[in-house]
PDB file of N, CA and C in Angstrom:
ATOM      1  N   MET A   1     173.723 152.900  -3.767  1.00  0.00           N
ATOM      2  CA  MET A   1     174.586 152.997  -2.599  1.00  0.00           C
ATOM      3  C   MET A   1     175.761 153.929  -2.898  1.00  0.00           C
ATOM      4  N   GLU A   2     176.083 154.761  -1.934  1.00  0.00           N
ATOM      5  CA  GLU A   2     177.134 155.766  -2.115  1.00  0.00           C
ATOM      6  C   GLU A   2     178.518 155.116  -2.006  1.00  0.00           C
ATOM      7  N   LYS A   3     179.406 155.473  -2.967  1.00  0.00           N
ATOM      8  CA  LYS A   3     180.774 154.958  -2.957  1.00  0.00           C
ATOM      9  C   LYS A   3     181.561 155.657  -1.857  1.00  0.00           C
ATOM     10  N   LYS A   4     182.297 154.880  -1.069  1.00  0.00           N
ATOM     11  CA  LYS A   4     183.113 155.457   0.000  1.00  0.00           C
ATOM     12  C   LYS A   4     184.299 156.190  -0.626  1.00  0.00           C
ATOM     13  N   GLN A   5     184.511 157.411  -0.161  1.00  0.00           N
ATOM     14  CA  GLN A   5     185.616 158.214  -0.679  1.00  0.00           C
ATOM     15  C   GLN A   5     186.946 157.701  -0.136  1.00  0.00           C
ATOM     16  N   THR A   6     187.965 157.770  -0.970  1.00  0.00           N
ATOM     17  CA  THR A   6     189.304 157.412  -0.530  1.00  0.00           C
ATOM     18  C   THR A   6     189.912 158.568   0.262  1.00  0.00           C
ATOM     19  N   PHE A   7     190.999 158.289   0.941  1.00  0.00           N
ATOM     20  CA  PHE A   7     191.730 159.313   1.674  1.00  0.00           C
ATOM     21  C   PHE A   7     192.096 160.464   0.739  1.00  0.00           C
ATOM     22  N   GLU A   8     192.590 160.107  -0.426  1.00  0.00           N
ATOM     23  CA  GLU A   8     193.035 161.116  -1.391  1.00  0.00           C
ATOM     24  C   GLU A   8     191.877 161.976  -1.882  1.00  0.00           C
ATOM     25  N   GLU A   9     190.708 161.365  -2.100  1.00  0.00           N
ATOM     26  CA  GLU A   9     189.541 162.117  -2.533  1.00  0.00           C
ATOM     27  C   GLU A   9     189.076 163.087  -1.442  1.00  0.00           C
ATOM     28  N   LYS A  10     189.097 162.617  -0.199  1.00  0.00           N
ATOM     29  CA  LYS A  10     188.711 163.486   0.918  1.00  0.00           C
ATOM     30  C   LYS A  10     189.686 164.653   1.057  1.00  0.00           C
ATOM     31  N   LEU A  11     190.965 164.372   0.921  1.00  0.00           N
ATOM     32  CA  LEU A  11     191.975 165.425   1.022  1.00  0.00           C
ATOM     33  C   LEU A  11     191.818 166.441  -0.110  1.00  0.00           C
ATOM     34  N   ALA A  12     191.543 165.960  -1.306  1.00  0.00           N
ATOM     35  CA  ALA A  12     191.332 166.857  -2.444  1.00  0.00           C
ATOM     36  C   ALA A  12     190.107 167.748  -2.202  1.00  0.00           C
ATOM     37  N   ARG A  13     189.035 167.174  -1.668  1.00  0.00           N
ATOM     38  CA  ARG A  13     187.840 167.972  -1.384  1.00  0.00           C
ATOM     39  C   ARG A  13     188.131 169.016  -0.311  1.00  0.00           C
ATOM     40  N   LEU A  14     188.893 168.635   0.709  1.00  0.00           N
ATOM     41  CA  LEU A  14     189.263 169.585   1.749  1.00  0.00           C
ATOM     42  C   LEU A  14     190.060 170.741   1.151  1.00  0.00           C
ATOM     43  N   ASN A  15     190.987 170.438   0.259  1.00  0.00           N
ATOM     44  CA  ASN A  15     191.755 171.487  -0.406  1.00  0.00           C
ATOM     45  C   ASN A  15     190.856 172.399  -1.239  1.00  0.00           C
ATOM     46  N   GLU A  16     189.841 171.828  -1.900  1.00  0.00           N
ATOM     47  CA  GLU A  16     188.888 172.634  -2.663  1.00  0.00           C
ATOM     48  C   GLU A  16     188.144 173.602  -1.734  1.00  0.00           C
ATOM     49  N   ILE A  17     187.736 173.091  -0.583  1.00  0.00           N
ATOM     50  CA  ILE A  17     187.004 173.924   0.378  1.00  0.00           C
ATOM     51  C   ILE A  17     187.881 175.079   0.853  1.00  0.00           C
ATOM     52  N   VAL A  18     189.112 174.774   1.218  1.00  0.00           N
ATOM     53  CA  VAL A  18     190.026 175.813   1.699  1.00  0.00           C
ATOM     54  C   VAL A  18     190.230 176.873   0.625  1.00  0.00           C
ATOM     55  N   GLU A  19     190.458 176.439  -0.608  1.00  0.00           N
ATOM     56  CA  GLU A  19     190.669 177.395  -1.696  1.00  0.00           C
ATOM     57  C   GLU A  19     189.425 178.263  -1.911  1.00  0.00           C
ATOM     58  N   LYS A  20     188.258 177.645  -1.869  1.00  0.00           N
ATOM     59  CA  LYS A  20     187.014 178.397  -2.073  1.00  0.00           C
ATOM     60  C   LYS A  20     186.812 179.436  -0.974  1.00  0.00           C
ATOM     61  N   VAL A  21     187.070 179.061   0.267  1.00  0.00           N
ATOM     62  CA  VAL A  21     186.895 179.989   1.390  1.00  0.00           C
ATOM     63  C   VAL A  21     187.905 181.130   1.299  1.00  0.00           C
ATOM     64  N   GLU A  22     189.125 180.813   0.905  1.00  0.00           N
ATOM     65  CA  GLU A  22     190.170 181.836   0.840  1.00  0.00           C
ATOM     66  C   GLU A  22     190.016 182.781  -0.351  1.00  0.00           C
ATOM     67  N   ASN A  23     189.463 182.277  -1.445  1.00  0.00           N
ATOM     68  CA  ASN A  23     189.505 183.051  -2.687  1.00  0.00           C
ATOM     69  C   ASN A  23     188.161 183.551  -3.202  1.00  0.00           C
ATOM     70  N   THR A  24     187.093 183.332  -2.467  1.00  0.00           N
ATOM     71  CA  THR A  24     185.796 183.812  -2.921  1.00  0.00           C
ATOM     72  C   THR A  24     185.059 184.482  -1.770  1.00  0.00           C
ATOM     73  N   THR A  25     184.098 185.290  -2.132  1.00  0.00           N
ATOM     74  CA  THR A  25     183.229 185.909  -1.137  1.00  0.00           C
ATOM     75  C   THR A  25     182.005 185.020  -0.981  1.00  0.00           C
ATOM     76  N   LEU A  26     181.791 184.545   0.221  1.00  0.00           N
ATOM     77  CA  LEU A  26     180.685 183.628   0.497  1.00  0.00           C
ATOM     78  C   LEU A  26     179.717 184.257   1.480  1.00  0.00           C
ATOM     79  N   SER A  27     178.483 183.832   1.379  1.00  0.00           N
ATOM     80  CA  SER A  27     177.524 184.227   2.403  1.00  0.00           C
ATOM     81  C   SER A  27     177.888 183.493   3.687  1.00  0.00           C
ATOM     82  N   LEU A  28     177.410 184.005   4.797  1.00  0.00           N
ATOM     83  CA  LEU A  28     177.682 183.355   6.070  1.00  0.00           C
ATOM     84  C   LEU A  28     177.163 181.919   6.051  1.00  0.00           C
ATOM     85  N   GLU A  29     175.977 181.725   5.489  1.00  0.00           N
ATOM     86  CA  GLU A  29     175.379 180.385   5.423  1.00  0.00           C
ATOM     87  C   GLU A  29     176.255 179.421   4.617  1.00  0.00           C
ATOM     88  N   ASP A  30     176.719 179.871   3.450  1.00  0.00           N
ATOM     89  CA  ASP A  30     177.583 179.021   2.616  1.00  0.00           C
ATOM     90  C   ASP A  30     178.914 178.744   3.305  1.00  0.00           C
ATOM     91  N   ALA A  31     179.474 179.754   3.947  1.00  0.00           N
ATOM     92  CA  ALA A  31     180.736 179.584   4.662  1.00  0.00           C
ATOM     93  C   ALA A  31     180.576 178.571   5.798  1.00  0.00           C
ATOM     94  N   MET A  32     179.461 178.638   6.504  1.00  0.00           N
ATOM     95  CA  MET A  32     179.220 177.699   7.602  1.00  0.00           C
ATOM     96  C   MET A  32     179.059 176.272   7.094  1.00  0.00           C
ATOM     97  N   LYS A  33     178.374 176.104   5.959  1.00  0.00           N
ATOM     98  CA  LYS A  33     178.212 174.767   5.370  1.00  0.00           C
ATOM     99  C   LYS A  33     179.575 174.188   4.984  1.00  0.00           C
ATOM    100  N   LEU A  34     180.397 175.013   4.368  1.00  0.00           N
ATOM    101  CA  LEU A  34     181.732 174.546   3.983  1.00  0.00           C
ATOM    102  C   LEU A  34     182.589 174.251   5.207  1.00  0.00           C
ATOM    103  N   TYR A  35     182.462 175.078   6.243  1.00  0.00           N
ATOM    104  CA  TYR A  35     183.199 174.845   7.477  1.00  0.00           C
ATOM    105  C   TYR A  35     182.803 173.498   8.076  1.00  0.00           C
ATOM    106  N   GLU A  36     181.511 173.220   8.114  1.00  0.00           N
ATOM    107  CA  GLU A  36     181.039 171.945   8.670  1.00  0.00           C
ATOM    108  C   GLU A  36     181.558 170.771   7.854  1.00  0.00           C
ATOM    109  N   GLU A  37     181.486 170.879   6.534  1.00  0.00           N
ATOM    110  CA  GLU A  37     181.981 169.807   5.673  1.00  0.00           C
ATOM    111  C   GLU A  37     183.488 169.620   5.863  1.00  0.00           C
ATOM    112  N   GLY A  38     184.214 170.717   5.896  1.00  0.00           N
ATOM    113  CA  GLY A  38     185.657 170.642   6.085  1.00  0.00           C
ATOM    114  C   GLY A  38     186.029 170.039   7.427  1.00  0.00           C
ATOM    115  N   ASN A  39     185.320 170.431   8.468  1.00  0.00           N
ATOM    116  CA  ASN A  39     185.588 169.891   9.802  1.00  0.00           C
ATOM    117  C   ASN A  39     185.343 168.391   9.833  1.00  0.00           C
ATOM    118  N   SER A  40     184.283 167.941   9.188  1.00  0.00           N
ATOM    119  CA  SER A  40     183.982 166.511   9.108  1.00  0.00           C
ATOM    120  C   SER A  40     185.086 165.769   8.347  1.00  0.00           C
ATOM    121  N   LEU A  41     185.545 166.361   7.258  1.00  0.00           N
ATOM    122  CA  LEU A  41     186.628 165.747   6.484  1.00  0.00           C
ATOM    123  C   LEU A  41     187.908 165.653   7.303  1.00  0.00           C
ATOM    124  N   ILE A  42     188.211 166.699   8.053  1.00  0.00           N
ATOM    125  CA  ILE A  42     189.414 166.690   8.893  1.00  0.00           C
ATOM    126  C   ILE A  42     189.343 165.547   9.900  1.00  0.00           C
ATOM    127  N   LYS A  43     188.193 165.359  10.518  1.00  0.00           N
ATOM    128  CA  LYS A  43     188.028 164.270  11.491  1.00  0.00           C
ATOM    129  C   LYS A  43     188.211 162.912  10.821  1.00  0.00           C
ATOM    130  N   ASP A  44     187.611 162.731   9.638  1.00  0.00           N
ATOM    131  CA  ASP A  44     187.750 161.476   8.905  1.00  0.00           C
ATOM    132  C   ASP A  44     189.205 161.217   8.506  1.00  0.00           C
ATOM    133  N   LEU A  45     189.866 162.259   8.025  1.00  0.00           N
ATOM    134  CA  LEU A  45     191.260 162.118   7.617  1.00  0.00           C
ATOM    135  C   LEU A  45     192.157 161.791   8.807  1.00  0.00           C
ATOM    136  N   GLN A  46     191.930 162.443   9.929  1.00  0.00           N
ATOM    137  CA  GLN A  46     192.723 162.175  11.124  1.00  0.00           C
ATOM    138  C   GLN A  46     192.511 160.738  11.598  1.00  0.00           C
ATOM    139  N   LYS A  47     191.270 160.269  11.525  1.00  0.00           N
ATOM    140  CA  LYS A  47     190.972 158.881  11.920  1.00  0.00           C
ATOM    141  C   LYS A  47     191.735 157.907  11.020  1.00  0.00           C
ATOM    142  N   SER A  48     191.734 158.172   9.718  1.00  0.00           N
ATOM    143  CA  SER A  48     192.470 157.313   8.781  1.00  0.00           C
ATOM    144  C   SER A  48     193.959 157.309   9.081  1.00  0.00           C
ATOM    145  N   LEU A  49     194.515 158.477   9.379  1.00  0.00           N
ATOM    146  CA  LEU A  49     195.941 158.554   9.707  1.00  0.00           C
ATOM    147  C   LEU A  49     196.259 157.806  11.001  1.00  0.00           C
ATOM    148  N   ASP A  50     195.382 157.944  11.999  1.00  0.00           N
ATOM    149  CA  ASP A  50     195.581 157.231  13.264  1.00  0.00           C
ATOM    150  C   ASP A  50     195.550 155.719  13.061  1.00  0.00           C
ATOM    151  N   GLU A  51     194.608 155.247  12.234  1.00  0.00           N
ATOM    152  CA  GLU A  51     194.513 153.816  11.950  1.00  0.00           C
ATOM    153  C   GLU A  51     195.755 153.319  11.215  1.00  0.00           C
ATOM    154  N   ALA A  52     196.236 154.109  10.262  1.00  0.00           N
ATOM    155  CA  ALA A  52     197.444 153.726   9.526  1.00  0.00           C
ATOM    156  C   ALA A  52     198.643 153.673  10.462  1.00  0.00           C
ATOM    157  N   GLU A  53     198.738 154.636  11.363  1.00  0.00           N
ATOM    158  CA  GLU A  53     199.844 154.657  12.318  1.00  0.00           C
ATOM    159  C   GLU A  53     199.811 153.420  13.217  1.00  0.00           C
ATOM    160  N   THR A  54     198.627 153.040  13.643  1.00  0.00           N
ATOM    161  CA  THR A  54     198.482 151.842  14.477  1.00  0.00           C
ATOM    162  C   THR A  54     198.917 150.598  13.714  1.00  0.00           C
ATOM    163  N   LYS A  55     198.495 150.478  12.458  1.00  0.00           N
ATOM    164  CA  LYS A  55     198.887 149.332  11.642  1.00  0.00           C
ATOM    165  C   LYS A  55     200.402 149.283  11.449  1.00  0.00           C
ATOM    166  N   ILE A  56     201.010 150.424  11.210  1.00  0.00           N
ATOM    167  CA  ILE A  56     202.465 150.472  11.037  1.00  0.00           C
ATOM    168  C   ILE A  56     203.167 150.037  12.315  1.00  0.00           C
ATOM    169  N   GLN A  57     202.661 150.494  13.444  1.00  0.00           N
ATOM    170  CA  GLN A  57     203.268 150.125  14.724  1.00  0.00           C
ATOM    171  C   GLN A  57     203.166 148.615  14.944  1.00  0.00           C
ATOM    172  N   VAL A  58     202.031 148.012  14.601  1.00  0.00           N
ATOM    173  CA  VAL A  58     201.856 146.566  14.743  1.00  0.00           C
ATOM    174  C   VAL A  58     202.870 145.832  13.869  1.00  0.00           C
ATOM    175  N   ILE A  59     203.050 146.296  12.652  1.00  0.00           N
ATOM    176  CA  ILE A  59     204.005 145.676  11.732  1.00  0.00           C
ATOM    177  C   ILE A  59     205.423 145.805  12.271  1.00  0.00           C
ATOM    178  N   LYS A  60     205.758 146.968  12.778  1.00  0.00           N
ATOM    179  CA  LYS A  60     207.110 147.199  13.323  1.00  0.00           C
ATOM    180  C   LYS A  60     207.383 146.302  14.528  1.00  0.00           C
ATOM    181  N   ASP A  61     206.345 146.044  15.316  1.00  0.00           N
ATOM    182  CA  ASP A  61     206.525 145.272  16.539  1.00  0.00           C
ATOM    183  C   ASP A  61     206.613 143.770  16.310  1.00  0.00           C
ATOM    184  N   LYS A  62     206.315 143.310  15.101  1.00  0.00           N
ATOM    185  CA  LYS A  62     206.368 141.872  14.806  1.00  0.00           C
ATOM    186  C   LYS A  62     207.784 141.385  14.701  1.00  0.00           C
TER     187      LYS A  62
END
């Protein structure tokens, strides 16, 4: 079974993708694969941030 990545691990992978795209010459196919992976990570990270914000708001409202 695959271990679920933490927020920090996802963010680190996203940073790796950005650095690779900015600093290397990639084929269109490789660039598209990285773009898809990065886009998926961004969505996951945003979801985590939204959930954390909701939890903080609940705590503040108590």
